[in-house]
Amino acid sequence: MSDSRKRIAERIIKRFEDITSIFGRELDLVDLEEFAHRIGDRIARRIPLERLVTRTIDRDNVLIRGSEDLIDSRVRGRLRELVLKSPSTDFRVTIMRDGRRILERSFTELMEISPYSDTIDAFQEPESGVYILKLSNISWLSDFLLTITATEVTFNKVFIIWNEYA
């Protein structure tokens, strides 16, 4: 428990002792339970609640020429899944998380890492020859930026789902 929470708890205990000194033994268990509920309600009203918001992007035939930010989040969150499908491997992925660059790789480099990673799947679909990149389960505390850079690449599919806690 942090020092500020300890001080608050000590103030609550002190107030309770003051109340019991006024009312003496007349306070019974029911009164104490009601008092505890009222304190809990007042504390709960002062605590900001986080709300889970699920965001999605589901686009077909997306042309990227230069750099495009696909996710730019300024609150705590988690990338559940990103899927990119393209006939080309000529693109790069950059991820900034909590002010630090955690990934900056080409699709080809991601293909090399893919067999050893739980969060990265990069491969060529045998039937169609289309290249697929899947990223998943990346969390952040304060900010997240996912950027795709390409000279000129059309993505057959861009599908992203992520959660933000606002």
C-alpha atoms as a PDB file:
ATOM      1  CA  MET A   1       0.000   0.000   0.000  1.00  0.00           C
ATOM      2  CA  SER A   2       1.401   3.408  -0.959  1.00  0.00           C
ATOM      3  CA  ASP A   3       2.093   6.102   1.665  1.00  0.00           C
ATOM      4  CA  SER A   4      -0.812   8.264   0.461  1.00  0.00           C
ATOM      5  CA  ARG A   5      -3.223   5.324   0.714  1.00  0.00           C
ATOM      6  CA  LYS A   6      -1.921   4.535   4.207  1.00  0.00           C
ATOM      7  CA  ARG A   7      -2.560   8.135   5.254  1.00  0.00           C
ATOM      8  CA  ILE A   8      -6.099   7.985   3.863  1.00  0.00           C
ATOM      9  CA  ALA A   9      -6.755   4.684   5.651  1.00  0.00           C
ATOM     10  CA  GLU A  10      -5.407   6.154   8.904  1.00  0.00           C
ATOM     11  CA  ARG A  11      -7.737   9.183   8.528  1.00  0.00           C
ATOM     12  CA  ILE A  12     -10.714   6.866   7.985  1.00  0.00           C
ATOM     13  CA  ILE A  13      -9.796   4.839  11.074  1.00  0.00           C
ATOM     14  CA  LYS A  14      -9.379   8.048  13.092  1.00  0.00           C
ATOM     15  CA  ARG A  15     -12.833   9.271  11.975  1.00  0.00           C
ATOM     16  CA  PHE A  16     -14.342   5.916  12.884  1.00  0.00           C
ATOM     17  CA  GLU A  17     -12.742   6.125  16.338  1.00  0.00           C
ATOM     18  CA  ASP A  18     -14.132   9.658  16.741  1.00  0.00           C
ATOM     19  CA  ILE A  19     -17.622   8.435  15.815  1.00  0.00           C
ATOM     20  CA  THR A  20     -17.452   5.490  18.222  1.00  0.00           C
ATOM     21  CA  SER A  21     -16.280   7.832  21.004  1.00  0.00           C
ATOM     22  CA  ILE A  22     -19.396   9.971  20.411  1.00  0.00           C
ATOM     23  CA  PHE A  23     -21.900   7.120  20.196  1.00  0.00           C
ATOM     24  CA  GLY A  24     -20.141   4.673  22.484  1.00  0.00           C
ATOM     25  CA  ARG A  25     -21.416   1.121  22.570  1.00  0.00           C
ATOM     26  CA  GLU A  26     -24.692   2.143  20.972  1.00  0.00           C
ATOM     27  CA  LEU A  27     -23.183   1.467  17.547  1.00  0.00           C
ATOM     28  CA  ASP A  28     -24.057  -2.081  16.651  1.00  0.00           C
ATOM     29  CA  LEU A  29     -22.900  -4.280  13.784  1.00  0.00           C
ATOM     30  CA  VAL A  30     -25.694  -3.104  11.467  1.00  0.00           C
ATOM     31  CA  ASP A  31     -24.731   0.541  11.987  1.00  0.00           C
ATOM     32  CA  LEU A  32     -21.075  -0.259  11.355  1.00  0.00           C
ATOM     33  CA  GLU A  33     -21.937  -2.158   8.172  1.00  0.00           C
ATOM     34  CA  GLU A  34     -24.034   0.759   6.875  1.00  0.00           C
ATOM     35  CA  PHE A  35     -21.197   3.161   7.738  1.00  0.00           C
ATOM     36  CA  ALA A  36     -18.722   0.978   5.815  1.00  0.00           C
ATOM     37  CA  HIS A  37     -20.999   0.924   2.733  1.00  0.00           C
ATOM     38  CA  ARG A  38     -21.322   4.706   2.753  1.00  0.00           C
ATOM     39  CA  ILE A  39     -17.555   5.125   3.001  1.00  0.00           C
ATOM     40  CA  GLY A  40     -17.095   2.637   0.147  1.00  0.00           C
ATOM     41  CA  ASP A  41     -19.625   4.467  -2.029  1.00  0.00           C
ATOM     42  CA  ARG A  42     -17.935   7.827  -1.480  1.00  0.00           C
ATOM     43  CA  ILE A  43     -14.503   6.396  -2.254  1.00  0.00           C
ATOM     44  CA  ALA A  44     -15.811   4.645  -5.402  1.00  0.00           C
ATOM     45  CA  ARG A  45     -17.258   7.924  -6.734  1.00  0.00           C
ATOM     46  CA  ARG A  46     -13.811   9.517  -6.546  1.00  0.00           C
ATOM     47  CA  ILE A  47     -11.974   6.728  -8.365  1.00  0.00           C
ATOM     48  CA  PRO A  48     -12.000   7.181 -12.145  1.00  0.00           C
ATOM     49  CA  LEU A  49     -13.148   4.026 -13.897  1.00  0.00           C
ATOM     50  CA  GLU A  50     -11.462   2.843 -17.056  1.00  0.00           C
ATOM     51  CA  ARG A  51     -13.704   1.915 -19.923  1.00  0.00           C
ATOM     52  CA  LEU A  52     -12.692  -0.756 -22.420  1.00  0.00           C
ATOM     53  CA  VAL A  53     -13.122   0.374 -26.018  1.00  0.00           C
ATOM     54  CA  THR A  54     -12.543  -2.056 -28.886  1.00  0.00           C
ATOM     55  CA  ARG A  55     -11.431  -0.440 -32.128  1.00  0.00           C
ATOM     56  CA  THR A  56     -11.212  -2.021 -35.575  1.00  0.00           C
ATOM     57  CA  ILE A  57     -10.019  -1.251 -39.064  1.00  0.00           C
ATOM     58  CA  ASP A  58     -11.211  -3.524 -41.863  1.00  0.00           C
ATOM     59  CA  ARG A  59     -10.257  -2.195 -45.293  1.00  0.00           C
ATOM     60  CA  ASP A  60      -9.690  -3.750 -48.728  1.00  0.00           C
ATOM     61  CA  ASN A  61      -7.293  -2.603 -51.456  1.00  0.00           C
ATOM     62  CA  VAL A  62      -5.390  -0.026 -49.409  1.00  0.00           C
ATOM     63  CA  LEU A  63      -2.665   1.816 -51.303  1.00  0.00           C
ATOM     64  CA  ILE A  64       0.238   3.007 -49.166  1.00  0.00           C
ATOM     65  CA  ARG A  65       2.701   5.365 -50.774  1.00  0.00           C
ATOM     66  CA  GLY A  66       5.229   6.703 -48.252  1.00  0.00           C
ATOM     67  CA  SER A  67       4.320   6.276 -44.580  1.00  0.00           C
ATOM     68  CA  GLU A  68       0.891   5.738 -43.071  1.00  0.00           C
ATOM     69  CA  ASP A  69       0.036   5.492 -39.363  1.00  0.00           C
ATOM     70  CA  LEU A  70      -2.453   2.661 -38.979  1.00  0.00           C
ATOM     71  CA  ILE A  71      -2.779   2.970 -35.186  1.00  0.00           C
ATOM     72  CA  ASP A  72      -2.014   6.106 -33.178  1.00  0.00           C
ATOM     73  CA  SER A  73      -3.221   5.531 -29.621  1.00  0.00           C
ATOM     74  CA  ARG A  74      -2.592   7.906 -26.699  1.00  0.00           C
ATOM     75  CA  VAL A  75      -4.101   5.731 -23.934  1.00  0.00           C
ATOM     76  CA  ARG A  76      -3.295   2.336 -22.420  1.00  0.00           C
ATOM     77  CA  GLY A  77      -4.190  -0.520 -24.733  1.00  0.00           C
ATOM     78  CA  ARG A  78      -3.438  -3.824 -26.417  1.00  0.00           C
ATOM     79  CA  LEU A  79      -3.133  -4.816 -30.050  1.00  0.00           C
ATOM     80  CA  ARG A  80      -5.192  -7.979 -30.321  1.00  0.00           C
ATOM     81  CA  GLU A  81      -4.493  -8.653 -33.977  1.00  0.00           C
ATOM     82  CA  LEU A  82      -3.214  -7.015 -37.144  1.00  0.00           C
ATOM     83  CA  VAL A  83      -3.433  -8.797 -40.501  1.00  0.00           C
ATOM     84  CA  LEU A  84      -1.948  -7.361 -43.692  1.00  0.00           C
ATOM     85  CA  LYS A  85      -2.245  -9.166 -47.045  1.00  0.00           C
ATOM     86  CA  SER A  86      -0.259  -7.970 -50.042  1.00  0.00           C
ATOM     87  CA  PRO A  87       1.173  -9.278 -53.298  1.00  0.00           C
ATOM     88  CA  SER A  88       4.390  -7.393 -52.414  1.00  0.00           C
ATOM     89  CA  THR A  89       7.002  -7.716 -49.665  1.00  0.00           C
ATOM     90  CA  ASP A  90       8.271  -4.195 -50.272  1.00  0.00           C
ATOM     91  CA  PHE A  91       7.146  -2.569 -47.008  1.00  0.00           C
ATOM     92  CA  ARG A  92       8.373  -1.890 -43.477  1.00  0.00           C
ATOM     93  CA  VAL A  93       6.620  -1.955 -40.117  1.00  0.00           C
ATOM     94  CA  THR A  94       7.574   0.432 -37.326  1.00  0.00           C
ATOM     95  CA  ILE A  95       6.100   0.211 -33.832  1.00  0.00           C
ATOM     96  CA  MET A  96       6.613   2.845 -31.165  1.00  0.00           C
ATOM     97  CA  ARG A  97       5.400   1.786 -27.732  1.00  0.00           C
ATOM     98  CA  ASP A  98       5.489   4.014 -24.652  1.00  0.00           C
ATOM     99  CA  GLY A  99       7.919   6.398 -26.332  1.00  0.00           C
ATOM    100  CA  ARG A 100      10.357   3.685 -27.489  1.00  0.00           C
ATOM    101  CA  ARG A 101      10.823   2.082 -30.875  1.00  0.00           C
ATOM    102  CA  ILE A 102      10.285  -1.632 -30.318  1.00  0.00           C
ATOM    103  CA  LEU A 103      10.137  -2.766 -33.953  1.00  0.00           C
ATOM    104  CA  GLU A 104      11.392  -1.453 -37.263  1.00  0.00           C
ATOM    105  CA  ARG A 105      11.694  -4.235 -39.806  1.00  0.00           C
ATOM    106  CA  SER A 106      10.944  -5.062 -43.411  1.00  0.00           C
ATOM    107  CA  PHE A 107       8.497  -7.827 -44.247  1.00  0.00           C
ATOM    108  CA  THR A 108      11.433 -10.042 -45.289  1.00  0.00           C
ATOM    109  CA  GLU A 109      13.109  -9.500 -41.896  1.00  0.00           C
ATOM    110  CA  LEU A 110       9.823 -10.283 -40.147  1.00  0.00           C
ATOM    111  CA  MET A 111       9.584 -13.540 -42.150  1.00  0.00           C
ATOM    112  CA  GLU A 112      12.977 -14.560 -40.761  1.00  0.00           C
ATOM    113  CA  ILE A 113      11.884 -13.854 -37.162  1.00  0.00           C
ATOM    114  CA  SER A 114       8.420 -15.353 -37.541  1.00  0.00           C
ATOM    115  CA  PRO A 115       9.208 -19.024 -36.742  1.00  0.00           C
ATOM    116  CA  TYR A 116      10.624 -17.971 -33.366  1.00  0.00           C
ATOM    117  CA  SER A 117       8.018 -15.416 -32.294  1.00  0.00           C
ATOM    118  CA  ASP A 118       4.617 -15.745 -30.646  1.00  0.00           C
ATOM    119  CA  THR A 119       3.585 -12.252 -31.734  1.00  0.00           C
ATOM    120  CA  ILE A 120       4.791 -12.244 -35.367  1.00  0.00           C
ATOM    121  CA  ASP A 121       3.590 -14.441 -38.237  1.00  0.00           C
ATOM    122  CA  ALA A 122       4.947 -13.511 -41.665  1.00  0.00           C
ATOM    123  CA  PHE A 123       4.619 -15.912 -44.579  1.00  0.00           C
ATOM    124  CA  GLN A 124       3.586 -16.404 -48.182  1.00  0.00           C
ATOM    125  CA  GLU A 125       0.246 -18.095 -48.710  1.00  0.00           C
ATOM    126  CA  PRO A 126       1.050 -21.110 -50.936  1.00  0.00           C
ATOM    127  CA  GLU A 127      -2.190 -21.130 -52.952  1.00  0.00           C
ATOM    128  CA  SER A 128      -2.382 -17.444 -53.873  1.00  0.00           C
ATOM    129  CA  GLY A 129       1.242 -16.325 -53.502  1.00  0.00           C
ATOM    130  CA  VAL A 130       0.002 -13.414 -51.352  1.00  0.00           C
ATOM    131  CA  TYR A 131       2.207 -12.314 -48.453  1.00  0.00           C
ATOM    132  CA  ILE A 132       0.570 -12.208 -45.039  1.00  0.00           C
ATOM    133  CA  LEU A 133       1.747 -10.430 -41.909  1.00  0.00           C
ATOM    134  CA  LYS A 134       0.016 -11.064 -38.616  1.00  0.00           C
ATOM    135  CA  LEU A 135       0.992  -9.272 -35.389  1.00  0.00           C
ATOM    136  CA  SER A 136      -0.775  -9.982 -32.108  1.00  0.00           C
ATOM    137  CA  ASN A 137      -0.798  -9.459 -28.351  1.00  0.00           C
ATOM    138  CA  ILE A 138       1.252  -6.286 -27.964  1.00  0.00           C
ATOM    139  CA  SER A 139       0.330  -4.147 -24.945  1.00  0.00           C
ATOM    140  CA  TRP A 140       1.229  -0.571 -24.058  1.00  0.00           C
ATOM    141  CA  LEU A 141       0.815   1.709 -21.068  1.00  0.00           C
ATOM    142  CA  SER A 142       0.606   5.225 -22.494  1.00  0.00           C
ATOM    143  CA  ASP A 143       1.021   5.400 -26.273  1.00  0.00           C
ATOM    144  CA  PHE A 144       1.315   3.209 -29.340  1.00  0.00           C
ATOM    145  CA  LEU A 145       2.080   4.073 -32.946  1.00  0.00           C
ATOM    146  CA  LEU A 146       2.082   1.491 -35.746  1.00  0.00           C
ATOM    147  CA  THR A 147       3.356   2.791 -39.079  1.00  0.00           C
ATOM    148  CA  ILE A 148       3.662   1.100 -42.463  1.00  0.00           C
ATOM    149  CA  THR A 149       6.214   2.513 -44.888  1.00  0.00           C
ATOM    150  CA  ALA A 150       6.313   1.554 -48.569  1.00  0.00           C
ATOM    151  CA  THR A 151       7.368   3.062 -51.862  1.00  0.00           C
ATOM    152  CA  GLU A 152       4.016   2.055 -53.337  1.00  0.00           C
ATOM    153  CA  VAL A 153       2.228  -1.071 -52.146  1.00  0.00           C
ATOM    154  CA  THR A 154      -1.420  -2.075 -52.345  1.00  0.00           C
ATOM    155  CA  PHE A 155      -2.641  -4.213 -49.457  1.00  0.00           C
ATOM    156  CA  ASN A 156      -5.475  -6.565 -50.438  1.00  0.00           C
ATOM    157  CA  LYS A 157      -6.579  -6.561 -46.799  1.00  0.00           C
ATOM    158  CA  VAL A 158      -5.826  -4.437 -43.733  1.00  0.00           C
ATOM    159  CA  PHE A 159      -7.540  -5.818 -40.657  1.00  0.00           C
ATOM    160  CA  ILE A 160      -6.708  -4.541 -37.171  1.00  0.00           C
ATOM    161  CA  ILE A 161      -8.452  -5.014 -33.846  1.00  0.00           C
ATOM    162  CA  TRP A 162      -7.201  -3.436 -30.637  1.00  0.00           C
ATOM    163  CA  ASN A 163      -8.430  -2.442 -27.205  1.00  0.00           C
ATOM    164  CA  GLU A 164      -8.025   0.926 -25.538  1.00  0.00           C
ATOM    165  CA  TYR A 165      -8.698   1.644 -21.880  1.00  0.00           C
ATOM    166  CA  ALA A 166     -10.057   5.178 -21.764  1.00  0.00           C
END
